[in-house]
Amino acid sequence: MNVRAATPGDFEAITAVARDTWHDTYDELEPEMIDRTVDDWYTDDSMPLEAPGTVVLVVERDGRLVGFTHAVAQGDKADILRMYVHPDHQGDGIGSTLHERLIAELESYDVDRVRSIDFAFNETSRAFYEGLGFEQTDTGEVEIDGEFYDEAVYTLEL
C-alpha cells in the first residue's frame, strides 16, 4: 500500500472511487443525484491541490488508486472534507492508514482540533470515526439538488 500526495492526474481515479463508494454507501440517495453530485464535488476545482492548508492524499494498492482523503487546515483547526476507500477494499485497514498519514500532515499546520462531517445516516462513517477517537460534537445540514440532508460533525482533539 502506498499513501502519497495527490497529483492533477489522479482526479479521474478519485472521481471513480467517490462514485463507486457513494453508490455502495448511500442507498438513501437517488443514483442520478449521486452521479451529478460526484461530478460536481470531486474535481480539481473542488479540491485545489495548491490552495493554502489543503491536503489531498491518495492510497494505491497494486498500482490502482483505491482511496483518498481531502482536508483543509485553517488556524488551529482542520476539516476533513472527504475520506473514501473503494468498497472492494474497505475493512483492509486502508482508511486507518490514510487517516494516520492525514493527521501527521495536518499536525505540520499546528492544528489542535480536527473535524469530520458526513451524512448523519452513515453509520459506517460514525463507527469509523468513533473508533479513531472522534466524538460527535455538532450537527448540520447539506443541500444536494434542492434537498436537505442532516449531517453529523465529529471532532478529534490532538
N, C-alpha and C. Protein backbone atom coordinates (compact mmCIF):
# COMPACT_ATOMS: atom_id res chain seq x y z
N MET A 1 0.85 -1.17 0.00
CA MET A 1 0.00 0.00 0.00
C MET A 1 0.90 1.23 0.00
N ASN A 2 0.57 2.20 -0.84
CA ASN A 2 1.34 3.42 -0.97
C ASN A 2 0.42 4.62 -0.75
N VAL A 3 0.73 5.44 0.27
CA VAL A 3 0.00 6.67 0.52
C VAL A 3 0.87 7.81 0.06
N ARG A 4 0.30 8.70 -0.76
CA ARG A 4 1.09 9.81 -1.30
C ARG A 4 0.19 11.01 -1.54
N ALA A 5 0.82 12.16 -1.76
CA ALA A 5 0.08 13.36 -2.12
C ALA A 5 -0.55 13.17 -3.50
N ALA A 6 -1.77 13.66 -3.65
CA ALA A 6 -2.46 13.58 -4.94
C ALA A 6 -1.80 14.50 -5.95
N THR A 7 -1.93 14.13 -7.21
CA THR A 7 -1.46 14.94 -8.33
C THR A 7 -2.65 15.23 -9.23
N PRO A 8 -2.52 16.22 -10.12
CA PRO A 8 -3.63 16.50 -11.03
C PRO A 8 -4.08 15.28 -11.85
N GLY A 9 -3.18 14.38 -12.13
CA GLY A 9 -3.52 13.19 -12.90
C GLY A 9 -4.35 12.17 -12.15
N ASP A 10 -4.56 12.38 -10.85
CA ASP A 10 -5.32 11.43 -10.03
C ASP A 10 -6.83 11.67 -10.05
N PHE A 11 -7.28 12.79 -10.58
CA PHE A 11 -8.69 13.14 -10.39
C PHE A 11 -9.67 12.20 -11.08
N GLU A 12 -9.32 11.62 -12.17
CA GLU A 12 -10.23 10.65 -12.80
C GLU A 12 -10.43 9.45 -11.87
N ALA A 13 -9.35 8.95 -11.28
CA ALA A 13 -9.45 7.81 -10.36
C ALA A 13 -10.14 8.22 -9.06
N ILE A 14 -9.87 9.42 -8.55
CA ILE A 14 -10.55 9.92 -7.35
C ILE A 14 -12.05 9.94 -7.58
N THR A 15 -12.48 10.47 -8.72
CA THR A 15 -13.90 10.54 -9.05
C THR A 15 -14.50 9.14 -9.13
N ALA A 16 -13.78 8.20 -9.70
CA ALA A 16 -14.29 6.82 -9.82
C ALA A 16 -14.46 6.19 -8.44
N VAL A 17 -13.49 6.39 -7.54
CA VAL A 17 -13.61 5.84 -6.18
C VAL A 17 -14.80 6.49 -5.47
N ALA A 18 -14.92 7.81 -5.60
CA ALA A 18 -16.04 8.51 -4.96
C ALA A 18 -17.38 7.98 -5.48
N ARG A 19 -17.50 7.85 -6.79
CA ARG A 19 -18.76 7.39 -7.39
C ARG A 19 -19.12 5.98 -6.89
N ASP A 20 -18.17 5.06 -6.95
CA ASP A 20 -18.44 3.69 -6.51
C ASP A 20 -18.79 3.64 -5.03
N THR A 21 -18.10 4.44 -4.22
CA THR A 21 -18.35 4.45 -2.78
C THR A 21 -19.72 5.06 -2.47
N TRP A 22 -20.04 6.19 -3.11
CA TRP A 22 -21.37 6.80 -2.88
C TRP A 22 -22.47 5.82 -3.26
N HIS A 23 -22.36 5.17 -4.42
CA HIS A 23 -23.42 4.24 -4.85
C HIS A 23 -23.53 3.06 -3.89
N ASP A 24 -22.41 2.61 -3.35
CA ASP A 24 -22.42 1.48 -2.43
C ASP A 24 -22.93 1.87 -1.04
N THR A 25 -22.67 3.10 -0.63
CA THR A 25 -22.92 3.52 0.76
C THR A 25 -24.24 4.22 0.95
N TYR A 26 -24.64 5.08 0.03
CA TYR A 26 -25.76 5.98 0.26
C TYR A 26 -27.02 5.51 -0.45
N ASP A 27 -27.60 4.44 0.07
CA ASP A 27 -28.85 3.91 -0.50
C ASP A 27 -29.99 4.91 -0.42
N GLU A 28 -29.89 5.85 0.51
CA GLU A 28 -30.96 6.84 0.72
C GLU A 28 -31.05 7.83 -0.43
N LEU A 29 -30.02 7.90 -1.26
CA LEU A 29 -29.96 8.89 -2.33
C LEU A 29 -30.24 8.24 -3.68
N GLU A 30 -30.86 9.00 -4.56
CA GLU A 30 -31.15 8.53 -5.91
C GLU A 30 -29.85 8.38 -6.71
N PRO A 31 -29.71 7.33 -7.49
CA PRO A 31 -28.47 7.11 -8.25
C PRO A 31 -28.10 8.28 -9.17
N GLU A 32 -29.09 8.89 -9.82
CA GLU A 32 -28.80 10.01 -10.72
C GLU A 32 -28.28 11.22 -9.94
N MET A 33 -28.82 11.43 -8.73
CA MET A 33 -28.35 12.53 -7.90
C MET A 33 -26.91 12.27 -7.44
N ILE A 34 -26.61 11.03 -7.12
CA ILE A 34 -25.24 10.68 -6.74
C ILE A 34 -24.29 11.02 -7.88
N ASP A 35 -24.62 10.62 -9.09
CA ASP A 35 -23.74 10.88 -10.23
C ASP A 35 -23.53 12.38 -10.44
N ARG A 36 -24.59 13.17 -10.36
CA ARG A 36 -24.44 14.62 -10.52
C ARG A 36 -23.58 15.22 -9.41
N THR A 37 -23.81 14.78 -8.19
CA THR A 37 -23.06 15.32 -7.04
C THR A 37 -21.59 14.96 -7.15
N VAL A 38 -21.30 13.73 -7.47
CA VAL A 38 -19.90 13.30 -7.62
C VAL A 38 -19.23 14.10 -8.72
N ASP A 39 -19.92 14.29 -9.84
CA ASP A 39 -19.34 15.06 -10.94
C ASP A 39 -19.03 16.50 -10.53
N ASP A 40 -19.85 17.06 -9.63
CA ASP A 40 -19.65 18.44 -9.17
C ASP A 40 -18.61 18.54 -8.06
N TRP A 41 -18.58 17.58 -7.14
CA TRP A 41 -17.80 17.71 -5.91
C TRP A 41 -16.39 17.12 -5.98
N TYR A 42 -16.09 16.29 -6.94
CA TYR A 42 -14.81 15.57 -6.94
C TYR A 42 -14.02 15.92 -8.19
N THR A 43 -13.57 17.17 -8.22
CA THR A 43 -12.82 17.68 -9.36
C THR A 43 -11.60 18.44 -8.85
N ASP A 44 -10.70 18.76 -9.75
CA ASP A 44 -9.54 19.55 -9.35
C ASP A 44 -9.96 20.96 -8.91
N ASP A 45 -11.13 21.44 -9.36
CA ASP A 45 -11.63 22.74 -8.90
C ASP A 45 -12.13 22.67 -7.47
N SER A 46 -12.76 21.57 -7.08
CA SER A 46 -13.31 21.45 -5.73
C SER A 46 -12.28 20.97 -4.71
N MET A 47 -11.16 20.47 -5.18
CA MET A 47 -10.06 20.03 -4.32
C MET A 47 -8.76 20.64 -4.84
N PRO A 48 -8.62 21.95 -4.77
CA PRO A 48 -7.43 22.58 -5.34
C PRO A 48 -6.16 22.16 -4.59
N LEU A 49 -5.29 21.46 -5.27
CA LEU A 49 -4.11 20.88 -4.64
C LEU A 49 -3.13 21.92 -4.11
N GLU A 50 -3.10 23.08 -4.71
CA GLU A 50 -2.13 24.10 -4.32
C GLU A 50 -2.68 25.14 -3.35
N ALA A 51 -3.94 25.02 -2.94
CA ALA A 51 -4.54 26.00 -2.04
C ALA A 51 -3.88 25.91 -0.66
N PRO A 52 -3.67 27.04 -0.01
CA PRO A 52 -3.03 27.03 1.31
C PRO A 52 -3.81 26.16 2.30
N GLY A 53 -3.09 25.33 3.04
CA GLY A 53 -3.70 24.48 4.05
C GLY A 53 -4.39 23.24 3.53
N THR A 54 -4.37 23.02 2.23
CA THR A 54 -5.07 21.88 1.62
C THR A 54 -4.18 20.65 1.59
N VAL A 55 -4.75 19.53 2.02
CA VAL A 55 -4.06 18.24 1.97
C VAL A 55 -4.97 17.27 1.23
N VAL A 56 -4.49 16.74 0.13
CA VAL A 56 -5.21 15.70 -0.61
C VAL A 56 -4.25 14.53 -0.76
N LEU A 57 -4.61 13.41 -0.16
CA LEU A 57 -3.79 12.21 -0.20
C LEU A 57 -4.55 11.10 -0.90
N VAL A 58 -3.80 10.22 -1.56
CA VAL A 58 -4.39 9.05 -2.20
C VAL A 58 -3.67 7.80 -1.71
N VAL A 59 -4.36 6.68 -1.81
CA VAL A 59 -3.79 5.38 -1.47
C VAL A 59 -3.83 4.52 -2.72
N GLU A 60 -2.70 3.92 -3.03
CA GLU A 60 -2.61 2.98 -4.15
C GLU A 60 -2.33 1.59 -3.60
N ARG A 61 -2.95 0.63 -4.22
CA ARG A 61 -2.66 -0.76 -3.92
C ARG A 61 -2.54 -1.48 -5.25
N ASP A 62 -1.44 -2.17 -5.42
CA ASP A 62 -1.17 -2.89 -6.68
C ASP A 62 -1.31 -1.97 -7.89
N GLY A 63 -0.82 -0.73 -7.74
CA GLY A 63 -0.82 0.22 -8.84
C GLY A 63 -2.16 0.88 -9.13
N ARG A 64 -3.17 0.61 -8.31
CA ARG A 64 -4.51 1.16 -8.54
C ARG A 64 -4.89 2.06 -7.37
N LEU A 65 -5.45 3.24 -7.66
CA LEU A 65 -5.91 4.15 -6.63
C LEU A 65 -7.17 3.56 -6.01
N VAL A 66 -7.14 3.32 -4.68
CA VAL A 66 -8.26 2.67 -4.00
C VAL A 66 -8.85 3.52 -2.89
N GLY A 67 -8.26 4.68 -2.60
CA GLY A 67 -8.80 5.54 -1.56
C GLY A 67 -8.19 6.93 -1.63
N PHE A 68 -8.86 7.88 -0.98
CA PHE A 68 -8.33 9.24 -0.95
C PHE A 68 -8.95 10.00 0.21
N THR A 69 -8.31 11.09 0.57
CA THR A 69 -8.85 12.00 1.57
C THR A 69 -8.50 13.42 1.18
N HIS A 70 -9.31 14.36 1.65
CA HIS A 70 -9.13 15.79 1.37
C HIS A 70 -9.45 16.54 2.65
N ALA A 71 -8.51 17.33 3.12
CA ALA A 71 -8.72 18.13 4.33
C ALA A 71 -8.15 19.52 4.11
N VAL A 72 -8.65 20.46 4.92
CA VAL A 72 -8.18 21.84 4.85
C VAL A 72 -7.91 22.31 6.28
N ALA A 73 -6.69 22.80 6.50
CA ALA A 73 -6.30 23.37 7.79
C ALA A 73 -6.45 24.88 7.74
N GLN A 74 -7.09 25.42 8.77
CA GLN A 74 -7.27 26.87 8.89
C GLN A 74 -7.11 27.23 10.35
N GLY A 75 -6.08 27.99 10.66
CA GLY A 75 -5.83 28.37 12.05
C GLY A 75 -5.51 27.15 12.88
N ASP A 76 -6.21 27.00 14.02
CA ASP A 76 -5.92 25.89 14.93
C ASP A 76 -6.78 24.67 14.68
N LYS A 77 -7.59 24.68 13.59
CA LYS A 77 -8.43 23.52 13.30
C LYS A 77 -8.30 23.11 11.84
N ALA A 78 -8.71 21.88 11.60
CA ALA A 78 -8.74 21.36 10.23
C ALA A 78 -10.04 20.61 10.04
N ASP A 79 -10.55 20.63 8.82
CA ASP A 79 -11.75 19.90 8.46
C ASP A 79 -11.42 18.83 7.44
N ILE A 80 -11.80 17.60 7.76
CA ILE A 80 -11.71 16.52 6.78
C ILE A 80 -12.98 16.61 5.95
N LEU A 81 -12.82 16.97 4.70
CA LEU A 81 -13.98 17.16 3.82
C LEU A 81 -14.38 15.87 3.12
N ARG A 82 -13.40 15.02 2.87
CA ARG A 82 -13.67 13.77 2.16
C ARG A 82 -12.69 12.71 2.61
N MET A 83 -13.19 11.50 2.80
CA MET A 83 -12.33 10.33 3.01
C MET A 83 -13.10 9.12 2.51
N TYR A 84 -12.59 8.51 1.47
CA TYR A 84 -13.26 7.36 0.87
C TYR A 84 -12.27 6.26 0.54
N VAL A 85 -12.72 5.04 0.78
CA VAL A 85 -12.00 3.84 0.36
C VAL A 85 -12.96 3.05 -0.51
N HIS A 86 -12.49 2.61 -1.66
CA HIS A 86 -13.33 1.85 -2.58
C HIS A 86 -13.97 0.68 -1.83
N PRO A 87 -15.26 0.40 -2.09
CA PRO A 87 -15.96 -0.67 -1.37
C PRO A 87 -15.24 -2.02 -1.42
N ASP A 88 -14.55 -2.32 -2.50
CA ASP A 88 -13.84 -3.60 -2.60
C ASP A 88 -12.65 -3.69 -1.65
N HIS A 89 -12.24 -2.57 -1.08
CA HIS A 89 -11.05 -2.54 -0.23
C HIS A 89 -11.35 -2.09 1.20
N GLN A 90 -12.61 -1.87 1.52
CA GLN A 90 -12.96 -1.48 2.88
C GLN A 90 -12.76 -2.65 3.82
N GLY A 91 -12.34 -2.33 5.03
CA GLY A 91 -12.09 -3.36 6.03
C GLY A 91 -10.68 -3.92 5.99
N ASP A 92 -9.84 -3.38 5.09
CA ASP A 92 -8.46 -3.86 4.95
C ASP A 92 -7.44 -2.97 5.67
N GLY A 93 -7.91 -1.99 6.44
CA GLY A 93 -7.00 -1.09 7.15
C GLY A 93 -6.55 0.10 6.34
N ILE A 94 -7.07 0.26 5.13
CA ILE A 94 -6.66 1.37 4.27
C ILE A 94 -7.12 2.70 4.85
N GLY A 95 -8.36 2.76 5.32
CA GLY A 95 -8.88 4.00 5.89
C GLY A 95 -8.08 4.43 7.11
N SER A 96 -7.74 3.49 7.98
CA SER A 96 -6.96 3.82 9.17
C SER A 96 -5.56 4.31 8.80
N THR A 97 -4.94 3.66 7.83
CA THR A 97 -3.62 4.09 7.37
C THR A 97 -3.69 5.48 6.76
N LEU A 98 -4.70 5.71 5.94
CA LEU A 98 -4.89 7.01 5.32
C LEU A 98 -5.12 8.09 6.38
N HIS A 99 -5.93 7.76 7.39
CA HIS A 99 -6.19 8.70 8.48
C HIS A 99 -4.91 9.05 9.23
N GLU A 100 -4.09 8.06 9.56
CA GLU A 100 -2.85 8.31 10.29
C GLU A 100 -1.94 9.26 9.51
N ARG A 101 -1.82 9.02 8.22
CA ARG A 101 -0.98 9.89 7.40
C ARG A 101 -1.57 11.30 7.31
N LEU A 102 -2.89 11.39 7.20
CA LEU A 102 -3.55 12.69 7.13
C LEU A 102 -3.31 13.48 8.42
N ILE A 103 -3.47 12.84 9.58
CA ILE A 103 -3.25 13.53 10.85
C ILE A 103 -1.81 14.02 10.93
N ALA A 104 -0.86 13.21 10.51
CA ALA A 104 0.54 13.64 10.51
C ALA A 104 0.74 14.87 9.64
N GLU A 105 0.11 14.89 8.48
CA GLU A 105 0.22 16.04 7.58
C GLU A 105 -0.43 17.28 8.22
N LEU A 106 -1.58 17.09 8.83
CA LEU A 106 -2.30 18.22 9.44
C LEU A 106 -1.55 18.78 10.65
N GLU A 107 -0.87 17.92 11.39
CA GLU A 107 -0.11 18.39 12.54
C GLU A 107 0.99 19.36 12.13
N SER A 108 1.47 19.25 10.90
CA SER A 108 2.50 20.17 10.43
C SER A 108 1.95 21.59 10.28
N TYR A 109 0.62 21.74 10.30
CA TYR A 109 -0.02 23.05 10.25
C TYR A 109 -0.34 23.58 11.64
N ASP A 110 0.11 22.87 12.68
CA ASP A 110 -0.12 23.26 14.08
C ASP A 110 -1.59 23.32 14.46
N VAL A 111 -2.39 22.43 13.90
CA VAL A 111 -3.79 22.37 14.31
C VAL A 111 -3.90 21.57 15.60
N ASP A 112 -4.88 21.90 16.43
CA ASP A 112 -5.09 21.13 17.65
C ASP A 112 -6.47 20.47 17.70
N ARG A 113 -7.23 20.63 16.61
CA ARG A 113 -8.57 20.04 16.54
C ARG A 113 -8.87 19.70 15.07
N VAL A 114 -9.40 18.49 14.87
CA VAL A 114 -9.76 18.04 13.53
C VAL A 114 -11.24 17.65 13.55
N ARG A 115 -11.99 18.16 12.57
CA ARG A 115 -13.40 17.81 12.43
C ARG A 115 -13.61 17.02 11.15
N SER A 116 -14.61 16.16 11.19
CA SER A 116 -15.05 15.45 10.00
C SER A 116 -16.56 15.56 9.94
N ILE A 117 -17.07 15.75 8.74
CA ILE A 117 -18.50 15.96 8.55
C ILE A 117 -19.00 14.92 7.55
N ASP A 118 -20.11 14.24 7.89
CA ASP A 118 -20.67 13.24 7.00
C ASP A 118 -22.18 13.21 7.20
N PHE A 119 -22.85 12.52 6.29
CA PHE A 119 -24.29 12.34 6.44
C PHE A 119 -24.57 11.69 7.79
N ALA A 120 -25.57 12.17 8.49
CA ALA A 120 -25.92 11.61 9.80
C ALA A 120 -26.37 10.16 9.69
N PHE A 121 -26.91 9.77 8.55
CA PHE A 121 -27.39 8.40 8.38
C PHE A 121 -26.28 7.40 8.06
N ASN A 122 -25.03 7.87 7.92
CA ASN A 122 -23.93 6.99 7.54
C ASN A 122 -23.33 6.33 8.79
N GLU A 123 -23.90 5.21 9.18
CA GLU A 123 -23.45 4.50 10.38
C GLU A 123 -22.02 3.97 10.24
N THR A 124 -21.62 3.59 9.04
CA THR A 124 -20.25 3.11 8.83
C THR A 124 -19.25 4.21 9.12
N SER A 125 -19.53 5.42 8.66
CA SER A 125 -18.66 6.56 8.92
C SER A 125 -18.61 6.85 10.42
N ARG A 126 -19.76 6.84 11.06
CA ARG A 126 -19.82 7.09 12.50
C ARG A 126 -18.91 6.09 13.24
N ALA A 127 -19.05 4.82 12.94
CA ALA A 127 -18.24 3.79 13.61
C ALA A 127 -16.75 3.99 13.32
N PHE A 128 -16.42 4.34 12.09
CA PHE A 128 -15.02 4.56 11.71
C PHE A 128 -14.42 5.69 12.53
N TYR A 129 -15.07 6.84 12.52
CA TYR A 129 -14.51 7.99 13.22
C TYR A 129 -14.51 7.81 14.74
N GLU A 130 -15.56 7.24 15.29
CA GLU A 130 -15.56 6.99 16.72
C GLU A 130 -14.48 6.00 17.12
N GLY A 131 -14.20 5.03 16.25
CA GLY A 131 -13.12 4.08 16.50
C GLY A 131 -11.74 4.73 16.50
N LEU A 132 -11.64 5.89 15.86
CA LEU A 132 -10.38 6.63 15.83
C LEU A 132 -10.29 7.68 16.94
N GLY A 133 -11.31 7.73 17.80
CA GLY A 133 -11.29 8.66 18.91
C GLY A 133 -12.08 9.94 18.70
N PHE A 134 -12.72 10.10 17.57
CA PHE A 134 -13.57 11.27 17.33
C PHE A 134 -14.84 11.15 18.17
N GLU A 135 -15.41 12.30 18.53
CA GLU A 135 -16.70 12.34 19.20
C GLU A 135 -17.63 13.23 18.39
N GLN A 136 -18.91 12.86 18.35
CA GLN A 136 -19.86 13.73 17.66
C GLN A 136 -20.07 14.98 18.52
N THR A 137 -19.83 16.15 17.91
CA THR A 137 -19.89 17.40 18.64
C THR A 137 -20.92 18.39 18.10
N ASP A 138 -21.49 18.10 16.95
CA ASP A 138 -22.42 19.05 16.36
C ASP A 138 -23.21 18.35 15.26
N THR A 139 -24.18 19.05 14.74
CA THR A 139 -24.95 18.59 13.59
C THR A 139 -25.00 19.73 12.58
N GLY A 140 -25.39 19.41 11.39
CA GLY A 140 -25.52 20.41 10.35
C GLY A 140 -26.45 19.90 9.27
N GLU A 141 -26.43 20.59 8.16
CA GLU A 141 -27.27 20.23 7.03
C GLU A 141 -26.50 20.51 5.75
N VAL A 142 -26.72 19.68 4.76
CA VAL A 142 -26.15 19.92 3.44
C VAL A 142 -27.28 19.87 2.43
N GLU A 143 -27.19 20.74 1.42
CA GLU A 143 -28.19 20.76 0.36
C GLU A 143 -27.60 20.11 -0.88
N ILE A 144 -28.34 19.16 -1.41
CA ILE A 144 -27.97 18.49 -2.66
C ILE A 144 -29.21 18.45 -3.54
N ASP A 145 -29.13 19.04 -4.71
CA ASP A 145 -30.25 19.04 -5.66
C ASP A 145 -31.54 19.56 -5.02
N GLY A 146 -31.44 20.57 -4.18
CA GLY A 146 -32.61 21.16 -3.57
C GLY A 146 -33.17 20.41 -2.37
N GLU A 147 -32.57 19.29 -2.03
CA GLU A 147 -32.98 18.51 -0.85
C GLU A 147 -31.96 18.74 0.26
N PHE A 148 -32.45 18.75 1.51
CA PHE A 148 -31.57 18.94 2.66
C PHE A 148 -31.40 17.63 3.41
N TYR A 149 -30.15 17.36 3.79
CA TYR A 149 -29.81 16.13 4.50
C TYR A 149 -29.06 16.49 5.77
N ASP A 150 -29.40 15.78 6.86
CA ASP A 150 -28.72 16.01 8.13
C ASP A 150 -27.29 15.50 8.07
N GLU A 151 -26.41 16.26 8.70
CA GLU A 151 -25.01 15.88 8.80
C GLU A 151 -24.63 15.72 10.27
N ALA A 152 -23.64 14.91 10.52
CA ALA A 152 -23.05 14.78 11.85
C ALA A 152 -21.62 15.32 11.77
N VAL A 153 -21.23 16.09 12.78
CA VAL A 153 -19.90 16.65 12.86
C VAL A 153 -19.16 15.93 13.97
N TYR A 154 -18.02 15.35 13.63
CA TYR A 154 -17.18 14.63 14.59
C TYR A 154 -15.90 15.44 14.82
N THR A 155 -15.43 15.43 16.06
CA THR A 155 -14.25 16.21 16.39
C THR A 155 -13.24 15.34 17.13
N LEU A 156 -11.96 15.55 16.79
CA LEU A 156 -10.83 14.89 17.46
C LEU A 156 -9.90 15.97 17.96
N GLU A 157 -9.66 15.98 19.27
CA GLU A 157 -8.69 16.92 19.84
C GLU A 157 -7.32 16.28 19.75
N LEU A 158 -6.36 17.01 19.21
CA LEU A 158 -5.00 16.46 19.07
C LEU A 158 -4.14 16.81 20.28
